[in-house]
Protein backbone atom coordinates (compact mmCIF):
# COMPACT_ATOMS: atom_id res chain seq x y z
CA MET A 1 1.93 -20.75 -19.24
CA VAL A 2 3.19 -17.07 -19.90
CA GLY A 3 3.53 -15.20 -16.52
CA PRO A 4 1.58 -12.12 -15.78
CA ALA A 5 1.90 -9.01 -18.00
CA ILE A 6 2.67 -6.78 -14.94
CA LYS A 7 6.48 -5.60 -15.04
CA PRO A 8 7.92 -4.27 -11.70
CA ASN A 9 7.19 -0.65 -11.16
CA ALA A 10 10.08 1.20 -9.41
CA SER A 11 7.47 3.63 -7.78
CA CYS A 12 5.75 0.70 -6.22
CA ALA A 13 8.21 -2.21 -5.99
CA ARG A 14 8.00 -2.50 -2.40
CA LEU A 15 4.91 -1.52 -0.28
CA CYS A 16 3.88 -1.95 3.20
CA PHE A 17 0.33 -2.30 4.42
CA ASP A 18 -0.78 -3.50 7.75
CA GLU A 19 1.25 -6.36 8.66
CA PHE A 20 1.91 -7.17 5.01
CA GLU A 21 4.97 -6.37 2.87
CA LEU A 22 4.60 -6.49 -1.01
CA ASP A 23 7.91 -6.71 -2.78
CA GLU A 24 7.10 -6.86 -6.46
CA ALA A 25 10.62 -6.85 -7.67
CA ASP A 26 11.33 -9.98 -5.58
CA ALA A 27 7.79 -11.41 -6.40
CA ARG A 28 7.11 -11.92 -2.69
CA LEU A 29 4.25 -11.23 -0.32
CA THR A 30 4.85 -11.57 3.45
CA ARG A 31 2.83 -11.33 6.54
CA ALA A 32 4.60 -10.34 9.72
CA GLY A 33 7.94 -11.34 7.99
CA LYS A 34 6.66 -14.78 6.83
CA PRO A 35 5.93 -15.65 3.24
CA VAL A 36 2.27 -15.82 2.02
CA ALA A 37 1.60 -18.26 -0.56
CA ILE A 38 -0.10 -16.65 -3.51
CA ALA A 39 -0.32 -17.68 -7.22
CA PRO A 40 1.38 -15.53 -10.10
CA ARG A 41 -2.04 -13.94 -11.25
CA PRO A 42 -3.55 -12.94 -7.95
CA PHE A 43 -0.11 -11.48 -7.00
CA ALA A 44 0.03 -9.54 -10.32
CA LEU A 45 -3.47 -8.27 -9.37
CA LEU A 46 -2.24 -7.15 -5.98
CA CYS A 47 0.68 -5.30 -7.46
CA ALA A 48 -1.71 -3.69 -10.11
CA LEU A 49 -4.11 -2.51 -7.24
CA ALA A 50 -1.62 -1.72 -4.59
CA CYS A 51 0.33 0.52 -6.98
CA THR A 52 -2.61 2.79 -7.38
CA PRO A 53 -4.14 2.93 -3.88
CA ARG A 54 -7.68 4.15 -3.26
CA VAL A 55 -7.98 4.47 -7.17
CA LEU A 56 -10.70 2.48 -9.06
CA MET A 57 -9.27 0.06 -11.51
CA THR A 58 -11.81 -1.12 -13.96
CA LYS A 59 -12.25 -4.64 -14.71
CA ASN A 60 -10.87 -4.07 -18.24
CA ALA A 61 -7.80 -2.18 -16.98
CA LEU A 62 -7.13 -5.15 -14.72
CA LEU A 63 -7.59 -7.75 -17.50
CA ASP A 64 -5.29 -6.02 -19.70
CA ALA A 65 -2.58 -5.38 -16.93
CA VAL A 66 -2.57 -8.85 -15.76
CA TRP A 67 -3.58 -11.06 -18.85
CA GLY A 68 -2.24 -8.61 -21.49
CA HIS A 69 -4.42 -8.57 -24.63
CA ARG A 70 -5.51 -12.17 -24.45
CA PHE A 71 -9.29 -13.06 -24.50
CA VAL A 72 -10.24 -13.90 -20.84
CA THR A 73 -13.69 -13.31 -19.22
CA ASP A 74 -14.51 -11.39 -16.07
CA SER A 75 -14.96 -14.70 -14.26
CA VAL A 76 -11.20 -15.24 -14.35
CA LEU A 77 -10.69 -11.89 -12.87
CA LYS A 78 -13.42 -12.75 -10.17
CA SER A 79 -11.71 -15.97 -9.34
CA ALA A 80 -8.18 -14.37 -9.18
CA ILE A 81 -9.54 -11.71 -6.85
CA SER A 82 -11.18 -14.35 -4.64
CA ASP A 83 -7.84 -16.04 -4.40
CA LEU A 84 -6.20 -12.68 -3.54
CA ARG A 85 -8.62 -12.03 -0.88
CA ALA A 86 -7.97 -15.54 0.53
CA ALA A 87 -4.30 -14.85 0.81
CA LEU A 88 -4.78 -11.61 2.47
CA ARG A 89 -7.61 -12.97 4.61
CA ASP A 90 -9.84 -10.13 3.43
CA ASP A 91 -13.63 -10.39 3.68
CA PRO A 92 -15.50 -9.09 0.67
CA LYS A 93 -18.35 -8.11 2.77
CA GLN A 94 -16.23 -5.99 5.09
CA PRO A 95 -13.09 -5.40 3.12
CA ARG A 96 -9.72 -4.27 4.48
CA TYR A 97 -7.73 -4.27 1.29
CA ILE A 98 -9.68 -5.00 -1.86
CA GLU A 99 -13.00 -3.16 -2.35
CA THR A 100 -15.40 -4.29 -5.09
CA VAL A 101 -17.04 -1.46 -7.04
CA SER A 102 -19.98 -2.91 -8.32
CA ARG A 103 -20.10 -3.73 -12.20
CA LYS A 104 -17.05 -1.34 -12.39
CA GLY A 105 -13.86 -3.00 -10.94
CA TYR A 106 -11.84 -3.04 -7.79
CA ARG A 107 -9.97 -0.61 -5.48
CA PHE A 108 -6.95 -1.15 -3.06
CA ILE A 109 -7.89 0.28 0.29
CA GLY A 110 -5.32 -0.99 2.48
CA ALA A 111 -4.14 1.38 5.18
CA GLY A 112 -0.67 2.61 5.53
CA VAL A 113 0.48 2.01 1.91
CA GLY A 114 4.19 3.11 1.86
CA ALA A 115 7.47 2.05 0.60
CA PRO A 116 10.50 2.10 3.16
CA SER A 117 12.72 4.78 2.18
CA GLN A 118 16.23 5.92 3.71
CA SER A 119 15.23 9.36 2.83
CA ALA A 120 12.48 10.15 5.37
CA ALA A 121 12.85 11.79 8.59
CA PRO A 122 10.63 11.14 11.69
CA VAL A 123 8.33 13.92 12.74
CA GLU A 124 8.49 15.40 16.19
CA LEU A 125 6.74 18.53 17.47
CA ASN A 126 8.79 20.74 19.71
CA GLY A 127 7.08 22.05 22.81
CA GLY A 128 4.23 20.96 25.20
CA ALA A 129 1.24 22.37 23.49
CA GLY A 130 1.88 20.01 20.59
CA LEU A 131 -0.18 16.96 19.52
CA SER A 132 -0.66 14.29 22.16
CA HIS A 133 1.81 11.39 22.35
CA ALA A 134 -0.63 9.01 20.86
CA ALA A 135 -1.30 11.34 17.89
CA THR A 136 2.30 12.07 17.31
CA ALA A 137 3.14 8.29 17.39
CA ALA A 138 0.10 7.66 14.89
CA LEU A 139 1.26 10.27 12.57
CA THR A 140 4.93 9.19 12.65
CA ALA A 141 3.82 5.56 11.95
CA LEU A 142 1.71 6.75 8.95
CA CYS A 143 4.87 8.00 7.22
CA ARG A 144 6.22 4.39 6.95
CA GLY A 145 9.48 5.66 5.65
CA ASP A 146 8.01 7.71 2.76
CA ALA A 147 9.77 11.13 2.54
CA THR A 148 6.85 12.74 0.67
CA LEU A 149 4.35 11.63 3.12
CA ALA A 150 6.60 12.52 6.21
CA GLY A 151 6.95 16.02 4.69
CA LEU A 152 3.05 16.31 4.37
CA ILE A 153 2.58 15.12 7.81
CA ARG A 154 5.16 17.66 8.98
CA ALA A 155 3.36 20.47 7.30
CA VAL A 156 -0.27 19.44 8.40
CA ALA A 157 1.14 19.05 12.04
CA ALA A 158 2.86 22.46 12.07
CA MET A 159 -0.37 24.04 10.59
CA LEU A 160 -2.59 22.37 13.03
CA GLU A 161 -0.53 23.03 16.24
CA HIS A 162 1.39 26.44 15.10
CA ASP A 163 4.36 24.85 16.70
CA ARG A 164 8.04 24.78 15.72
CA MET A 165 9.05 21.48 13.96
CA VAL A 166 12.12 19.50 14.90
CA VAL A 167 13.56 16.97 12.42
CA ILE A 168 15.31 14.27 14.50
CA ASP A 169 17.80 12.34 12.23
CA PRO A 170 17.20 12.83 8.52
CA SER A 171 18.84 9.45 7.84
CA ALA A 172 16.60 7.63 10.18
CA GLN A 173 13.40 5.57 9.13
CA CYS A 174 10.01 6.42 10.38
CA LEU A 175 8.78 4.26 13.34
CA SER A 176 6.23 1.59 12.36
C-alpha cells in the first residue's frame, strides 16, 4: 500500500496543541511525551487539518491531500476521521480538536496551535498597572514559542495596557 500523499510541510512540521505534539517530519504524535498509536492515513489527515487551523477543509480537499487522485469514497474519509478522533480522544458531539462541518468537511479547532521556535521571546509587562499575573501567564503560554504570535501578543498587551514592554531573553522559549 502506498503511503499518504501528504509531504512534510516546513511551516507546520512540528505543532503543539494541548498535551499533544505533532511531529510531521518524524511521523510521530505524542501525548504528554508518550507516543500515540495512529495509522498513517489518520495521521496524514491530522497533519493536513492541523497545518490549516480553524480553516474549513472540504472533503474533496482532504481526499486529494491524503489519498491523492485515487478514487475513494467519503466513507473512507469518515472512517479515517473516526480513527483520528479515537487517537485524540475527541468527542464528535463536543469536539476539542476536529470539528465536523455538515456536508462540507472538517476543521481543526485545537487550542494553542504553535510550533516551538528558538526565536520567540517571552512577554512581560513592566509596571504594576499591567495585566494580572494570571492573564500575563495565559498570554505567555499562548505563544508556545512562536515568534510571530509572541509579537502579536506583545502588541495587543501594549495597546490594552498602555504600558511599557520589557523583552526578557530573546533566545528563551515561551513558557508552556
